[in-house]
PDB file of N, CA and C in Angstrom:
ATOM      1  N   UNK A   1     123.689 121.866  94.361  1.00  0.00           N
ATOM      2  CA  UNK A   1     122.777 122.106  92.886  1.00  0.00           C
ATOM      3  C   UNK A   1     123.952 122.130  91.791  1.00  0.00           C
ATOM      4  N   UNK A   2     123.297 121.695  90.872  1.00  0.00           N
ATOM      5  CA  UNK A   2     124.487 121.053  89.656  1.00  0.00           C
ATOM      6  C   UNK A   2     124.924 122.022  88.772  1.00  0.00           C
ATOM      7  N   UNK A   3     125.943 122.599  88.182  1.00  0.00           N
ATOM      8  CA  UNK A   3     126.480 123.508  87.870  1.00  0.00           C
ATOM      9  C   UNK A   3     125.950 123.427  86.575  1.00  0.00           C
ATOM     10  N   UNK A   4     125.708 124.390  85.717  1.00  0.00           N
ATOM     11  CA  UNK A   4     124.919 124.302  84.373  1.00  0.00           C
ATOM     12  C   UNK A   4     126.297 124.301  83.484  1.00  0.00           C
ATOM     13  N   UNK A   5     125.739 124.080  82.368  1.00  0.00           N
ATOM     14  CA  UNK A   5     127.131 123.330  81.293  1.00  0.00           C
ATOM     15  C   UNK A   5     126.076 123.862  80.243  1.00  0.00           C
ATOM     16  N   UNK A   6     126.803 124.237  79.146  1.00  0.00           N
ATOM     17  CA  UNK A   6     126.510 124.787  77.827  1.00  0.00           C
ATOM     18  C   UNK A   6     126.054 123.328  77.016  1.00  0.00           C
ATOM     19  N   UNK A   7     125.168 123.293  76.250  1.00  0.00           N
ATOM     20  CA  UNK A   7     124.571 121.918  75.824  1.00  0.00           C
ATOM     21  C   UNK A   7     123.867 122.385  74.500  1.00  0.00           C
ATOM     22  N   UNK A   8     123.632 121.229  73.753  1.00  0.00           N
ATOM     23  CA  UNK A   8     122.736 121.838  72.086  1.00  0.00           C
ATOM     24  C   UNK A   8     121.419 121.131  72.703  1.00  0.00           C
ATOM     25  N   UNK A   9     120.366 122.159  72.032  1.00  0.00           N
ATOM     26  CA  UNK A   9     118.953 121.846  72.494  1.00  0.00           C
ATOM     27  C   UNK A   9     118.639 121.740  71.183  1.00  0.00           C
ATOM     28  N   UNK A  10     117.890 120.684  70.928  1.00  0.00           N
ATOM     29  CA  UNK A  10     117.311 120.438  70.054  1.00  0.00           C
ATOM     30  C   UNK A  10     115.385 120.778  69.902  1.00  0.00           C
ATOM     31  N   UNK A  11     114.785 121.125  69.696  1.00  0.00           N
ATOM     32  CA  UNK A  11     113.562 121.163  70.165  1.00  0.00           C
ATOM     33  C   UNK A  11     112.120 120.725  68.977  1.00  0.00           C
ATOM     34  N   UNK A  12     111.093 120.287  69.143  1.00  0.00           N
ATOM     35  CA  UNK A  12     110.402 119.587  68.611  1.00  0.00           C
ATOM     36  C   UNK A  12     109.190 120.093  68.152  1.00  0.00           C
ATOM     37  N   UNK A  13     108.344 120.101  67.366  1.00  0.00           N
ATOM     38  CA  UNK A  13     107.011 120.730  67.002  1.00  0.00           C
ATOM     39  C   UNK A  13     105.983 119.469  68.013  1.00  0.00           C
ATOM     40  N   UNK A  14     106.293 118.622  67.739  1.00  0.00           N
ATOM     41  CA  UNK A  14     105.634 117.272  68.567  1.00  0.00           C
ATOM     42  C   UNK A  14     106.381 115.943  69.462  1.00  0.00           C
ATOM     43  N   UNK A  15     105.523 115.822  70.135  1.00  0.00           N
ATOM     44  CA  UNK A  15     106.320 114.849  71.032  1.00  0.00           C
ATOM     45  C   UNK A  15     107.102 113.139  69.984  1.00  0.00           C
ATOM     46  N   UNK A  16     105.772 113.091  69.298  1.00  0.00           N
ATOM     47  CA  UNK A  16     106.216 111.639  68.023  1.00  0.00           C
ATOM     48  C   UNK A  16     107.970 112.285  67.737  1.00  0.00           C
ATOM     49  N   UNK A  17     107.761 113.367  66.935  1.00  0.00           N
ATOM     50  CA  UNK A  17     109.251 114.072  66.427  1.00  0.00           C
ATOM     51  C   UNK A  17     110.331 113.695  67.639  1.00  0.00           C
ATOM     52  N   UNK A  18     110.188 114.125  69.048  1.00  0.00           N
ATOM     53  CA  UNK A  18     111.436 113.817  70.102  1.00  0.00           C
ATOM     54  C   UNK A  18     111.145 112.246  70.034  1.00  0.00           C
ATOM     55  N   UNK A  19     110.239 111.798  70.169  1.00  0.00           N
ATOM     56  CA  UNK A  19     110.847 110.125  70.545  1.00  0.00           C
ATOM     57  C   UNK A  19     110.792 109.431  69.151  1.00  0.00           C
ATOM     58  N   UNK A  20     110.709 110.016  68.272  1.00  0.00           N
ATOM     59  CA  UNK A  20     111.448 109.711  66.878  1.00  0.00           C
ATOM     60  C   UNK A  20     112.920 109.792  66.744  1.00  0.00           C
ATOM     61  N   UNK A  21     113.302 110.606  67.612  1.00  0.00           N
ATOM     62  CA  UNK A  21     114.970 111.668  67.378  1.00  0.00           C
ATOM     63  C   UNK A  21     115.261 110.389  68.167  1.00  0.00           C
ATOM     64  N   UNK A  22     115.049 109.995  69.785  1.00  0.00           N
ATOM     65  CA  UNK A  22     115.116 109.549  70.761  1.00  0.00           C
ATOM     66  C   UNK A  22     115.680 107.838  70.313  1.00  0.00           C
ATOM     67  N   UNK A  23     114.822 107.203  69.511  1.00  0.00           N
ATOM     68  CA  UNK A  23     114.705 105.772  68.711  1.00  0.00           C
ATOM     69  C   UNK A  23     115.871 105.961  68.178  1.00  0.00           C
ATOM     70  N   UNK A  24     116.121 106.833  66.994  1.00  0.00           N
ATOM     71  CA  UNK A  24     117.320 107.345  65.703  1.00  0.00           C
ATOM     72  C   UNK A  24     118.505 107.095  66.445  1.00  0.00           C
ATOM     73  N   UNK A  25     118.518 107.883  67.444  1.00  0.00           N
ATOM     74  CA  UNK A  25     119.741 108.117  68.104  1.00  0.00           C
ATOM     75  C   UNK A  25     120.281 106.775  69.025  1.00  0.00           C
ATOM     76  N   UNK A  26     119.209 106.266  69.522  1.00  0.00           N
ATOM     77  CA  UNK A  26     119.649 105.065  70.500  1.00  0.00           C
ATOM     78  C   UNK A  26     120.187 104.209  69.238  1.00  0.00           C
ATOM     79  N   UNK A  27     119.312 103.553  68.340  1.00  0.00           N
ATOM     80  CA  UNK A  27     120.378 102.738  67.375  1.00  0.00           C
ATOM     81  C   UNK A  27     121.211 102.931  66.770  1.00  0.00           C
ATOM     82  N   UNK A  28     121.615 104.342  66.450  1.00  0.00           N
ATOM     83  CA  UNK A  28     122.599 104.483  66.034  1.00  0.00           C
ATOM     84  C   UNK A  28     123.999 104.880  67.184  1.00  0.00           C
ATOM     85  N   UNK A  29     123.905 104.865  68.761  1.00  0.00           N
ATOM     86  CA  UNK A  29     124.686 104.943  69.275  1.00  0.00           C
ATOM     87  C   UNK A  29     125.291 106.383  69.572  1.00  0.00           C
ATOM     88  N   UNK A  30     124.140 107.612  69.067  1.00  0.00           N
ATOM     89  CA  UNK A  30     124.521 108.748  68.819  1.00  0.00           C
ATOM     90  C   UNK A  30     124.311 109.190  70.319  1.00  0.00           C
ATOM     91  N   UNK A  31     125.134 110.126  70.831  1.00  0.00           N
ATOM     92  CA  UNK A  31     125.018 110.810  72.207  1.00  0.00           C
ATOM     93  C   UNK A  31     123.595 112.137  72.219  1.00  0.00           C
ATOM     94  N   UNK A  32     123.423 111.782  73.606  1.00  0.00           N
ATOM     95  CA  UNK A  32     122.321 112.620  73.953  1.00  0.00           C
ATOM     96  C   UNK A  32     121.472 111.836  74.941  1.00  0.00           C
ATOM     97  N   UNK A  33     120.426 112.771  75.084  1.00  0.00           N
ATOM     98  CA  UNK A  33     118.781 112.161  75.636  1.00  0.00           C
ATOM     99  C   UNK A  33     118.177 113.372  75.899  1.00  0.00           C
ATOM    100  N   UNK A  34     116.929 112.663  76.291  1.00  0.00           N
ATOM    101  CA  UNK A  34     115.445 114.079  75.868  1.00  0.00           C
ATOM    102  C   UNK A  34     115.280 114.279  77.343  1.00  0.00           C
ATOM    103  N   UNK A  35     114.987 115.761  77.448  1.00  0.00           N
ATOM    104  CA  UNK A  35     114.660 116.290  78.364  1.00  0.00           C
ATOM    105  C   UNK A  35     113.890 117.247  78.149  1.00  0.00           C
ATOM    106  N   UNK A  36     113.002 117.868  79.041  1.00  0.00           N
ATOM    107  CA  UNK A  36     112.197 118.836  79.318  1.00  0.00           C
ATOM    108  C   UNK A  36     112.812 120.023  78.923  1.00  0.00           C
ATOM    109  N   UNK A  37     112.413 121.071  78.142  1.00  0.00           N
ATOM    110  CA  UNK A  37     112.814 121.815  77.633  1.00  0.00           C
ATOM    111  C   UNK A  37     112.977 122.921  78.245  1.00  0.00           C
ATOM    112  N   UNK A  38     114.030 123.347  78.296  1.00  0.00           N
ATOM    113  CA  UNK A  38     114.653 124.564  79.770  1.00  0.00           C
ATOM    114  C   UNK A  38     113.979 125.589  79.493  1.00  0.00           C
ATOM    115  N   UNK A  39     113.416 126.290  80.441  1.00  0.00           N
ATOM    116  CA  UNK A  39     112.804 127.432  80.508  1.00  0.00           C
ATOM    117  C   UNK A  39     113.122 128.448  79.721  1.00  0.00           C
ATOM    118  N   UNK A  40     114.296 128.571  79.730  1.00  0.00           N
ATOM    119  CA  UNK A  40     114.724 129.967  78.395  1.00  0.00           C
ATOM    120  C   UNK A  40     114.350 129.782  77.115  1.00  0.00           C
ATOM    121  N   UNK A  41     113.960 128.224  77.171  1.00  0.00           N
ATOM    122  CA  UNK A  41     113.631 128.162  75.318  1.00  0.00           C
ATOM    123  C   UNK A  41     112.104 127.879  75.546  1.00  0.00           C
ATOM    124  N   UNK A  42     111.445 128.508  74.407  1.00  0.00           N
ATOM    125  CA  UNK A  42     109.684 128.272  74.577  1.00  0.00           C
ATOM    126  C   UNK A  42     109.656 126.991  73.440  1.00  0.00           C
ATOM    127  N   UNK A  43     109.027 126.144  73.236  1.00  0.00           N
ATOM    128  CA  UNK A  43     108.823 125.598  72.561  1.00  0.00           C
ATOM    129  C   UNK A  43     107.556 124.467  72.494  1.00  0.00           C
ATOM    130  N   UNK A  44     107.092 124.033  71.410  1.00  0.00           N
ATOM    131  CA  UNK A  44     106.106 123.478  70.970  1.00  0.00           C
ATOM    132  C   UNK A  44     105.279 121.926  72.205  1.00  0.00           C
ATOM    133  N   UNK A  45     106.562 120.462  71.516  1.00  0.00           N
ATOM    134  CA  UNK A  45     105.632 119.535  72.428  1.00  0.00           C
ATOM    135  C   UNK A  45     106.643 119.446  73.789  1.00  0.00           C
ATOM    136  N   UNK A  46     106.827 120.031  74.548  1.00  0.00           N
ATOM    137  CA  UNK A  46     108.020 120.559  75.653  1.00  0.00           C
ATOM    138  C   UNK A  46     108.978 119.319  75.831  1.00  0.00           C
ATOM    139  N   UNK A  47     109.426 118.642  75.014  1.00  0.00           N
ATOM    140  CA  UNK A  47     110.599 118.093  74.972  1.00  0.00           C
ATOM    141  C   UNK A  47     111.835 118.509  73.985  1.00  0.00           C
ATOM    142  N   UNK A  48     113.247 118.314  74.511  1.00  0.00           N
ATOM    143  CA  UNK A  48     114.053 118.279  73.915  1.00  0.00           C
ATOM    144  C   UNK A  48     114.923 117.331  73.374  1.00  0.00           C
ATOM    145  N   UNK A  49     115.951 117.051  72.600  1.00  0.00           N
ATOM    146  CA  UNK A  49     117.506 116.291  72.615  1.00  0.00           C
ATOM    147  C   UNK A  49     118.167 117.534  72.906  1.00  0.00           C
ATOM    148  N   UNK A  50     118.752 116.669  74.345  1.00  0.00           N
ATOM    149  CA  UNK A  50     120.309 117.630  74.412  1.00  0.00           C
ATOM    150  C   UNK A  50     121.546 116.733  74.418  1.00  0.00           C
ATOM    151  N   UNK A  51     122.505 117.056  73.853  1.00  0.00           N
ATOM    152  CA  UNK A  51     123.545 116.983  73.715  1.00  0.00           C
ATOM    153  C   UNK A  51     124.756 118.109  73.562  1.00  0.00           C
ATOM    154  N   UNK A  52     125.825 117.248  73.766  1.00  0.00           N
ATOM    155  CA  UNK A  52     127.412 118.278  73.963  1.00  0.00           C
ATOM    156  C   UNK A  52     127.481 119.036  72.609  1.00  0.00           C
ATOM    157  N   UNK A  53     127.956 120.351  72.626  1.00  0.00           N
ATOM    158  CA  UNK A  53     127.935 121.253  71.469  1.00  0.00           C
ATOM    159  C   UNK A  53     129.060 121.054  70.438  1.00  0.00           C
ATOM    160  N   UNK A  54     129.359 120.182  70.911  1.00  0.00           N
ATOM    161  CA  UNK A  54     130.817 119.631  69.524  1.00  0.00           C
ATOM    162  C   UNK A  54     129.994 118.083  68.801  1.00  0.00           C
ATOM    163  N   UNK A  55     128.960 117.559  69.327  1.00  0.00           N
ATOM    164  CA  UNK A  55     127.988 116.965  68.068  1.00  0.00           C
ATOM    165  C   UNK A  55     127.441 117.072  67.933  1.00  0.00           C
ATOM    166  N   UNK A  56     127.032 118.983  67.322  1.00  0.00           N
ATOM    167  CA  UNK A  56     126.230 119.541  66.404  1.00  0.00           C
ATOM    168  C   UNK A  56     126.318 119.247  64.854  1.00  0.00           C
ATOM    169  N   UNK A  57     127.530 118.979  64.400  1.00  0.00           N
ATOM    170  CA  UNK A  57     127.716 118.756  63.069  1.00  0.00           C
ATOM    171  C   UNK A  57     127.003 117.164  62.769  1.00  0.00           C
ATOM    172  N   UNK A  58     127.756 116.429  63.483  1.00  0.00           N
ATOM    173  CA  UNK A  58     127.178 114.809  63.351  1.00  0.00           C
ATOM    174  C   UNK A  58     125.372 114.626  63.913  1.00  0.00           C
ATOM    175  N   UNK A  59     125.018 115.497  64.997  1.00  0.00           N
ATOM    176  CA  UNK A  59     123.624 115.377  65.358  1.00  0.00           C
ATOM    177  C   UNK A  59     122.779 115.641  63.929  1.00  0.00           C
ATOM    178  N   UNK A  60     123.223 117.160  63.247  1.00  0.00           N
ATOM    179  CA  UNK A  60     122.596 117.355  62.196  1.00  0.00           C
ATOM    180  C   UNK A  60     122.939 116.985  61.319  1.00  0.00           C
ATOM    181  N   UNK A  61     123.756 116.366  60.776  1.00  0.00           N
ATOM    182  CA  UNK A  61     123.579 115.076  59.873  1.00  0.00           C
ATOM    183  C   UNK A  61     122.390 114.308  59.973  1.00  0.00           C
ATOM    184  N   UNK A  62     122.736 113.590  61.049  1.00  0.00           N
ATOM    185  CA  UNK A  62     121.583 112.355  61.702  1.00  0.00           C
ATOM    186  C   UNK A  62     120.408 112.438  60.893  1.00  0.00           C
ATOM    187  N   UNK A  63     120.020 114.299  61.704  1.00  0.00           N
ATOM    188  CA  UNK A  63     118.677 114.476  61.740  1.00  0.00           C
ATOM    189  C   UNK A  63     118.113 114.477  60.291  1.00  0.00           C
ATOM    190  N   UNK A  64     119.086 115.020  59.521  1.00  0.00           N
ATOM    191  CA  UNK A  64     118.843 115.190  57.971  1.00  0.00           C
ATOM    192  C   UNK A  64     118.863 113.967  57.350  1.00  0.00           C
ATOM    193  N   UNK A  65     119.601 113.110  57.818  1.00  0.00           N
ATOM    194  CA  UNK A  65     119.439 111.682  56.864  1.00  0.00           C
ATOM    195  C   UNK A  65     117.907 110.705  57.472  1.00  0.00           C
ATOM    196  N   UNK A  66     117.822 111.202  58.512  1.00  0.00           N
ATOM    197  CA  UNK A  66     116.560 110.265  59.155  1.00  0.00           C
ATOM    198  C   UNK A  66     115.323 111.083  58.677  1.00  0.00           C
ATOM    199  N   UNK A  67     115.400 112.675  57.970  1.00  0.00           N
ATOM    200  CA  UNK A  67     113.951 113.433  58.205  1.00  0.00           C
ATOM    201  C   UNK A  67     113.741 113.824  58.938  1.00  0.00           C
ATOM    202  N   UNK A  68     114.042 113.732  60.266  1.00  0.00           N
ATOM    203  CA  UNK A  68     113.527 114.071  61.244  1.00  0.00           C
ATOM    204  C   UNK A  68     113.237 115.984  61.386  1.00  0.00           C
ATOM    205  N   UNK A  69     111.846 116.119  61.412  1.00  0.00           N
ATOM    206  CA  UNK A  69     111.500 117.596  61.543  1.00  0.00           C
ATOM    207  C   UNK A  69     112.072 118.036  63.220  1.00  0.00           C
ATOM    208  N   UNK A  70     112.600 118.972  63.201  1.00  0.00           N
ATOM    209  CA  UNK A  70     112.771 120.151  64.191  1.00  0.00           C
ATOM    210  C   UNK A  70     112.511 121.311  64.416  1.00  0.00           C
ATOM    211  N   UNK A  71     111.954 121.579  65.561  1.00  0.00           N
ATOM    212  CA  UNK A  71     111.469 123.564  65.475  1.00  0.00           C
ATOM    213  C   UNK A  71     112.861 123.936  65.721  1.00  0.00           C
ATOM    214  N   UNK A  72     113.790 123.778  66.184  1.00  0.00           N
ATOM    215  CA  UNK A  72     115.097 124.589  66.720  1.00  0.00           C
ATOM    216  C   UNK A  72     116.167 124.193  66.941  1.00  0.00           C
ATOM    217  N   UNK A  73     117.191 124.262  66.742  1.00  0.00           N
ATOM    218  CA  UNK A  73     118.763 123.949  66.874  1.00  0.00           C
ATOM    219  C   UNK A  73     119.514 124.902  67.729  1.00  0.00           C
ATOM    220  N   UNK A  74     119.622 125.112  69.238  1.00  0.00           N
ATOM    221  CA  UNK A  74     120.453 126.244  69.567  1.00  0.00           C
ATOM    222  C   UNK A  74     121.423 125.726  70.594  1.00  0.00           C
ATOM    223  N   UNK A  75     122.002 126.633  71.092  1.00  0.00           N
ATOM    224  CA  UNK A  75     122.899 126.229  72.359  1.00  0.00           C
ATOM    225  C   UNK A  75     122.469 127.526  73.702  1.00  0.00           C
ATOM    226  N   UNK A  76     122.423 126.572  74.639  1.00  0.00           N
ATOM    227  CA  UNK A  76     122.257 127.315  75.396  1.00  0.00           C
ATOM    228  C   UNK A  76     122.454 126.516  76.987  1.00  0.00           C
ATOM    229  N   UNK A  77     122.650 127.463  78.366  1.00  0.00           N
ATOM    230  CA  UNK A  77     122.969 126.635  79.717  1.00  0.00           C
ATOM    231  C   UNK A  77     122.223 125.530  80.267  1.00  0.00           C
ATOM    232  N   UNK A  78     122.607 124.420  80.477  1.00  0.00           N
ATOM    233  CA  UNK A  78     121.402 123.735  81.481  1.00  0.00           C
ATOM    234  C   UNK A  78     121.653 122.934  82.282  1.00  0.00           C
TER     235      UNK A  78
END
């Protein structure tokens, strides 16, 4: 079994918003990936962006720049 680590989790209301985040980050080489929403979090579309907690400021700035709507930004063990 894989050891759980603290991660930055960004959830979205819709799958479209999650896919928009993935494309935006891929184009700008921003670290992270889409994952199923962890069981400890209840969220809209079932997809979440997962990245290291250290990248929080960079990612929140990127989200604001892109105008991507998020449901929540939090840290949890994944």
